[in-house]
Amino acid sequence: MALENRIDSLKKQHARLDQMLRAEEARAGGDEIAIHRLKQQKLAVKDQIEFLLHGAREAA
């Protein structure tokens, strides 16, 4: 159950980062550094989700 909660939390964080990224990209003169950081954070969260999902499949 704790694993499912962690994955759900990470998915919500990923969605928030995606929303922030889209807003920054849509903004006129969007901050390229902020966009790059958001992309990195989003990818790191995705990697965490995949790691947890892969590990959960192996344990099952």
PDB file of N, CA and C in Angstrom:
ATOM      1  N   MET A   1       0.817  -1.197   0.000  1.00  0.00           N
ATOM      2  CA  MET A   1       0.000   0.000   0.000  1.00  0.00           C
ATOM      3  C   MET A   1       0.866   1.269   0.000  1.00  0.00           C
ATOM      4  N   ALA A   2       1.944   1.251   0.774  1.00  0.00           N
ATOM      5  CA  ALA A   2       2.820   2.419   0.834  1.00  0.00           C
ATOM      6  C   ALA A   2       3.449   2.684  -0.527  1.00  0.00           C
ATOM      7  N   LEU A   3       3.778   1.615  -1.248  1.00  0.00           N
ATOM      8  CA  LEU A   3       4.369   1.764  -2.574  1.00  0.00           C
ATOM      9  C   LEU A   3       3.377   2.430  -3.529  1.00  0.00           C
ATOM     10  N   GLU A   4       2.136   1.999  -3.475  1.00  0.00           N
ATOM     11  CA  GLU A   4       1.102   2.591  -4.334  1.00  0.00           C
ATOM     12  C   GLU A   4       0.915   4.070  -4.017  1.00  0.00           C
ATOM     13  N   ASN A   5       0.949   4.419  -2.736  1.00  0.00           N
ATOM     14  CA  ASN A   5       0.807   5.823  -2.334  1.00  0.00           C
ATOM     15  C   ASN A   5       1.982   6.649  -2.847  1.00  0.00           C
ATOM     16  N   ARG A   6       3.172   6.091  -2.768  1.00  0.00           N
ATOM     17  CA  ARG A   6       4.367   6.800  -3.250  1.00  0.00           C
ATOM     18  C   ARG A   6       4.287   7.023  -4.755  1.00  0.00           C
ATOM     19  N   ILE A   7       3.872   5.999  -5.487  1.00  0.00           N
ATOM     20  CA  ILE A   7       3.736   6.115  -6.941  1.00  0.00           C
ATOM     21  C   ILE A   7       2.674   7.148  -7.289  1.00  0.00           C
ATOM     22  N   ASP A   8       1.545   7.119  -6.587  1.00  0.00           N
ATOM     23  CA  ASP A   8       0.491   8.109  -6.832  1.00  0.00           C
ATOM     24  C   ASP A   8       0.985   9.523  -6.561  1.00  0.00           C
ATOM     25  N   SER A   9       1.744   9.683  -5.491  1.00  0.00           N
ATOM     26  CA  SER A   9       2.301  10.987  -5.152  1.00  0.00           C
ATOM     27  C   SER A   9       3.252  11.471  -6.237  1.00  0.00           C
ATOM     28  N   LEU A  10       4.087  10.573  -6.730  1.00  0.00           N
ATOM     29  CA  LEU A  10       5.019  10.933  -7.797  1.00  0.00           C
ATOM     30  C   LEU A  10       4.290  11.281  -9.088  1.00  0.00           C
ATOM     31  N   LYS A  11       3.214  10.562  -9.391  1.00  0.00           N
ATOM     32  CA  LYS A  11       2.429  10.870 -10.593  1.00  0.00           C
ATOM     33  C   LYS A  11       1.802  12.256 -10.494  1.00  0.00           C
ATOM     34  N   LYS A  12       1.334  12.622  -9.304  1.00  0.00           N
ATOM     35  CA  LYS A  12       0.770  13.963  -9.104  1.00  0.00           C
ATOM     36  C   LYS A  12       1.850  15.028  -9.252  1.00  0.00           C
ATOM     37  N   GLN A  13       3.022  14.749  -8.698  1.00  0.00           N
ATOM     38  CA  GLN A  13       4.143  15.677  -8.826  1.00  0.00           C
ATOM     39  C   GLN A  13       4.530  15.833 -10.296  1.00  0.00           C
ATOM     40  N   HIS A  14       4.547  14.742 -11.038  1.00  0.00           N
ATOM     41  CA  HIS A  14       4.878  14.770 -12.465  1.00  0.00           C
ATOM     42  C   HIS A  14       3.865  15.631 -13.217  1.00  0.00           C
ATOM     43  N   ALA A  15       2.586  15.471 -12.885  1.00  0.00           N
ATOM     44  CA  ALA A  15       1.535  16.261 -13.544  1.00  0.00           C
ATOM     45  C   ALA A  15       1.678  17.750 -13.221  1.00  0.00           C
ATOM     46  N   ARG A  16       2.015  18.077 -11.966  1.00  0.00           N
ATOM     47  CA  ARG A  16       2.220  19.487 -11.593  1.00  0.00           C
ATOM     48  C   ARG A  16       3.403  20.084 -12.348  1.00  0.00           C
ATOM     49  N   LEU A  17       4.481  19.318 -12.434  1.00  0.00           N
ATOM     50  CA  LEU A  17       5.653  19.802 -13.170  1.00  0.00           C
ATOM     51  C   LEU A  17       5.319  20.000 -14.643  1.00  0.00           C
ATOM     52  N   ASP A  18       4.534  19.098 -15.213  1.00  0.00           N
ATOM     53  CA  ASP A  18       4.128  19.221 -16.607  1.00  0.00           C
ATOM     54  C   ASP A  18       3.304  20.485 -16.810  1.00  0.00           C
ATOM     55  N   GLN A  19       2.401  20.755 -15.884  1.00  0.00           N
ATOM     56  CA  GLN A  19       1.572  21.960 -15.971  1.00  0.00           C
ATOM     57  C   GLN A  19       2.441  23.216 -15.871  1.00  0.00           C
ATOM     58  N   MET A  20       3.387  23.217 -14.947  1.00  0.00           N
ATOM     59  CA  MET A  20       4.284  24.360 -14.804  1.00  0.00           C
ATOM     60  C   MET A  20       5.139  24.543 -16.055  1.00  0.00           C
ATOM     61  N   LEU A  21       5.603  23.443 -16.625  1.00  0.00           N
ATOM     62  CA  LEU A  21       6.421  23.492 -17.834  1.00  0.00           C
ATOM     63  C   LEU A  21       5.633  24.071 -18.997  1.00  0.00           C
ATOM     64  N   ARG A  22       4.419  23.591 -19.183  1.00  0.00           N
ATOM     65  CA  ARG A  22       3.588  24.106 -20.274  1.00  0.00           C
ATOM     66  C   ARG A  22       3.308  25.596 -20.110  1.00  0.00           C
ATOM     67  N   ALA A  23       3.068  26.023 -18.882  1.00  0.00           N
ATOM     68  CA  ALA A  23       2.802  27.442 -18.625  1.00  0.00           C
ATOM     69  C   ALA A  23       4.032  28.284 -18.946  1.00  0.00           C
ATOM     70  N   GLU A  24       5.199  27.804 -18.543  1.00  0.00           N
ATOM     71  CA  GLU A  24       6.434  28.557 -18.807  1.00  0.00           C
ATOM     72  C   GLU A  24       6.740  28.600 -20.303  1.00  0.00           C
ATOM     73  N   GLU A  25       6.506  27.492 -20.996  1.00  0.00           N
ATOM     74  CA  GLU A  25       6.747  27.463 -22.440  1.00  0.00           C
ATOM     75  C   GLU A  25       5.769  28.367 -23.188  1.00  0.00           C
ATOM     76  N   ALA A  26       4.560  28.494 -22.687  1.00  0.00           N
ATOM     77  CA  ALA A  26       3.544  29.310 -23.352  1.00  0.00           C
ATOM     78  C   ALA A  26       3.744  30.803 -23.086  1.00  0.00           C
ATOM     79  N   ARG A  27       4.441  31.108 -22.018  1.00  0.00           N
ATOM     80  CA  ARG A  27       4.660  32.504 -21.641  1.00  0.00           C
ATOM     81  C   ARG A  27       5.604  33.159 -22.649  1.00  0.00           C
ATOM     82  N   ALA A  28       5.246  34.350 -23.059  1.00  0.00           N
ATOM     83  CA  ALA A  28       6.107  35.097 -23.987  1.00  0.00           C
ATOM     84  C   ALA A  28       7.453  35.342 -23.321  1.00  0.00           C
ATOM     85  N   GLY A  29       8.515  34.983 -24.005  1.00  0.00           N
ATOM     86  CA  GLY A  29       9.850  35.166 -23.447  1.00  0.00           C
ATOM     87  C   GLY A  29      10.113  34.248 -22.267  1.00  0.00           C
ATOM     88  N   GLY A  30       9.587  33.021 -22.347  1.00  0.00           N
ATOM     89  CA  GLY A  30       9.755  32.058 -21.257  1.00  0.00           C
ATOM     90  C   GLY A  30      11.218  31.889 -20.870  1.00  0.00           C
ATOM     91  N   ASP A  31      11.452  31.692 -19.605  1.00  0.00           N
ATOM     92  CA  ASP A  31      12.796  31.545 -19.054  1.00  0.00           C
ATOM     93  C   ASP A  31      13.359  30.172 -19.442  1.00  0.00           C
ATOM     94  N   GLU A  32      14.348  30.163 -20.317  1.00  0.00           N
ATOM     95  CA  GLU A  32      14.919  28.913 -20.822  1.00  0.00           C
ATOM     96  C   GLU A  32      15.559  28.084 -19.708  1.00  0.00           C
ATOM     97  N   ILE A  33      16.146  28.741 -18.740  1.00  0.00           N
ATOM     98  CA  ILE A  33      16.765  28.018 -17.628  1.00  0.00           C
ATOM     99  C   ILE A  33      15.686  27.335 -16.799  1.00  0.00           C
ATOM    100  N   ALA A  34      14.598  28.044 -16.525  1.00  0.00           N
ATOM    101  CA  ALA A  34      13.487  27.460 -15.766  1.00  0.00           C
ATOM    102  C   ALA A  34      12.883  26.291 -16.532  1.00  0.00           C
ATOM    103  N   ILE A  35      12.740  26.436 -17.835  1.00  0.00           N
ATOM    104  CA  ILE A  35      12.195  25.363 -18.669  1.00  0.00           C
ATOM    105  C   ILE A  35      13.103  24.138 -18.597  1.00  0.00           C
ATOM    106  N   HIS A  36      14.389  24.362 -18.705  1.00  0.00           N
ATOM    107  CA  HIS A  36      15.349  23.255 -18.639  1.00  0.00           C
ATOM    108  C   HIS A  36      15.283  22.542 -17.285  1.00  0.00           C
ATOM    109  N   ARG A  37      15.222  23.314 -16.215  1.00  0.00           N
ATOM    110  CA  ARG A  37      15.139  22.725 -14.869  1.00  0.00           C
ATOM    111  C   ARG A  37      13.856  21.934 -14.685  1.00  0.00           C
ATOM    112  N   LEU A  38      12.744  22.474 -15.168  1.00  0.00           N
ATOM    113  CA  LEU A  38      11.467  21.768 -15.058  1.00  0.00           C
ATOM    114  C   LEU A  38      11.503  20.454 -15.832  1.00  0.00           C
ATOM    115  N   LYS A  39      12.112  20.486 -17.004  1.00  0.00           N
ATOM    116  CA  LYS A  39      12.236  19.254 -17.795  1.00  0.00           C
ATOM    117  C   LYS A  39      13.085  18.223 -17.062  1.00  0.00           C
ATOM    118  N   GLN A  40      14.162  18.672 -16.445  1.00  0.00           N
ATOM    119  CA  GLN A  40      15.020  17.758 -15.698  1.00  0.00           C
ATOM    120  C   GLN A  40      14.278  17.157 -14.508  1.00  0.00           C
ATOM    121  N   GLN A  41      13.544  17.996 -13.783  1.00  0.00           N
ATOM    122  CA  GLN A  41      12.786  17.522 -12.630  1.00  0.00           C
ATOM    123  C   GLN A  41      11.711  16.531 -13.060  1.00  0.00           C
ATOM    124  N   LYS A  42      11.033  16.854 -14.145  1.00  0.00           N
ATOM    125  CA  LYS A  42       9.975  15.980 -14.654  1.00  0.00           C
ATOM    126  C   LYS A  42      10.553  14.622 -15.049  1.00  0.00           C
ATOM    127  N   LEU A  43      11.687  14.618 -15.706  1.00  0.00           N
ATOM    128  CA  LEU A  43      12.327  13.369 -16.106  1.00  0.00           C
ATOM    129  C   LEU A  43      12.788  12.565 -14.889  1.00  0.00           C
ATOM    130  N   ALA A  44      13.315  13.249 -13.887  1.00  0.00           N
ATOM    131  CA  ALA A  44      13.762  12.558 -12.675  1.00  0.00           C
ATOM    132  C   ALA A  44      12.580  11.886 -11.968  1.00  0.00           C
ATOM    133  N   VAL A  45      11.446  12.561 -11.924  1.00  0.00           N
ATOM    134  CA  VAL A  45      10.252  11.985 -11.300  1.00  0.00           C
ATOM    135  C   VAL A  45       9.770  10.790 -12.119  1.00  0.00           C
ATOM    136  N   LYS A  46       9.787  10.925 -13.434  1.00  0.00           N
ATOM    137  CA  LYS A  46       9.382   9.809 -14.291  1.00  0.00           C
ATOM    138  C   LYS A  46      10.288   8.606 -14.070  1.00  0.00           C
ATOM    139  N   ASP A  47      11.583   8.851 -13.954  1.00  0.00           N
ATOM    140  CA  ASP A  47      12.532   7.766 -13.694  1.00  0.00           C
ATOM    141  C   ASP A  47      12.240   7.078 -12.359  1.00  0.00           C
ATOM    142  N   GLN A  48      11.888   7.862 -11.348  1.00  0.00           N
ATOM    143  CA  GLN A  48      11.549   7.285 -10.048  1.00  0.00           C
ATOM    144  C   GLN A  48      10.311   6.402 -10.145  1.00  0.00           C
ATOM    145  N   ILE A  49       9.311   6.882 -10.883  1.00  0.00           N
ATOM    146  CA  ILE A  49       8.080   6.103 -11.064  1.00  0.00           C
ATOM    147  C   ILE A  49       8.406   4.786 -11.759  1.00  0.00           C
ATOM    148  N   GLU A  50       9.161   4.850 -12.835  1.00  0.00           N
ATOM    149  CA  GLU A  50       9.516   3.642 -13.579  1.00  0.00           C
ATOM    150  C   GLU A  50      10.321   2.674 -12.709  1.00  0.00           C
ATOM    151  N   PHE A  51      11.228   3.205 -11.911  1.00  0.00           N
ATOM    152  CA  PHE A  51      12.026   2.362 -11.026  1.00  0.00           C
ATOM    153  C   PHE A  51      11.126   1.635 -10.027  1.00  0.00           C
ATOM    154  N   LEU A  52      10.193   2.369  -9.433  1.00  0.00           N
ATOM    155  CA  LEU A  52       9.296   1.756  -8.453  1.00  0.00           C
ATOM    156  C   LEU A  52       8.370   0.735  -9.106  1.00  0.00           C
ATOM    157  N   LEU A  53       7.870   1.064 -10.293  1.00  0.00           N
ATOM    158  CA  LEU A  53       6.996   0.126 -10.979  1.00  0.00           C
ATOM    159  C   LEU A  53       7.750  -1.141 -11.406  1.00  0.00           C
ATOM    160  N   HIS A  54       8.965  -0.966 -11.890  1.00  0.00           N
ATOM    161  CA  HIS A  54       9.774  -2.107 -12.312  1.00  0.00           C
ATOM    162  C   HIS A  54      10.123  -2.980 -11.114  1.00  0.00           C
ATOM    163  N   GLY A  55      10.497  -2.361 -10.029  1.00  0.00           N
ATOM    164  CA  GLY A  55      10.831  -3.099  -8.822  1.00  0.00           C
ATOM    165  C   GLY A  55       9.618  -3.830  -8.259  1.00  0.00           C
ATOM    166  N   ALA A  56       8.443  -3.230  -8.370  1.00  0.00           N
ATOM    167  CA  ALA A  56       7.221  -3.856  -7.867  1.00  0.00           C
ATOM    168  C   ALA A  56       6.874  -5.082  -8.708  1.00  0.00           C
ATOM    169  N   ARG A  57       7.112  -5.015 -10.007  1.00  0.00           N
ATOM    170  CA  ARG A  57       6.823  -6.160 -10.880  1.00  0.00           C
ATOM    171  C   ARG A  57       7.749  -7.332 -10.574  1.00  0.00           C
ATOM    172  N   GLU A  58       9.017  -7.032 -10.300  1.00  0.00           N
ATOM    173  CA  GLU A  58       9.970  -8.094 -10.000  1.00  0.00           C
ATOM    174  C   GLU A  58       9.664  -8.772  -8.673  1.00  0.00           C
ATOM    175  N   ALA A  59       9.162  -7.999  -7.710  1.00  0.00           N
ATOM    176  CA  ALA A  59       8.859  -8.554  -6.388  1.00  0.00           C
ATOM    177  C   ALA A  59       7.584  -9.386  -6.392  1.00  0.00           C
ATOM    178  N   ALA A  60       6.702  -9.131  -7.355  1.00  0.00           N
ATOM    179  CA  ALA A  60       5.410  -9.846  -7.392  1.00  0.00           C
ATOM    180  C   ALA A  60       5.523 -11.239  -7.922  1.00  0.00           C
TER     181      ALA A  60
END
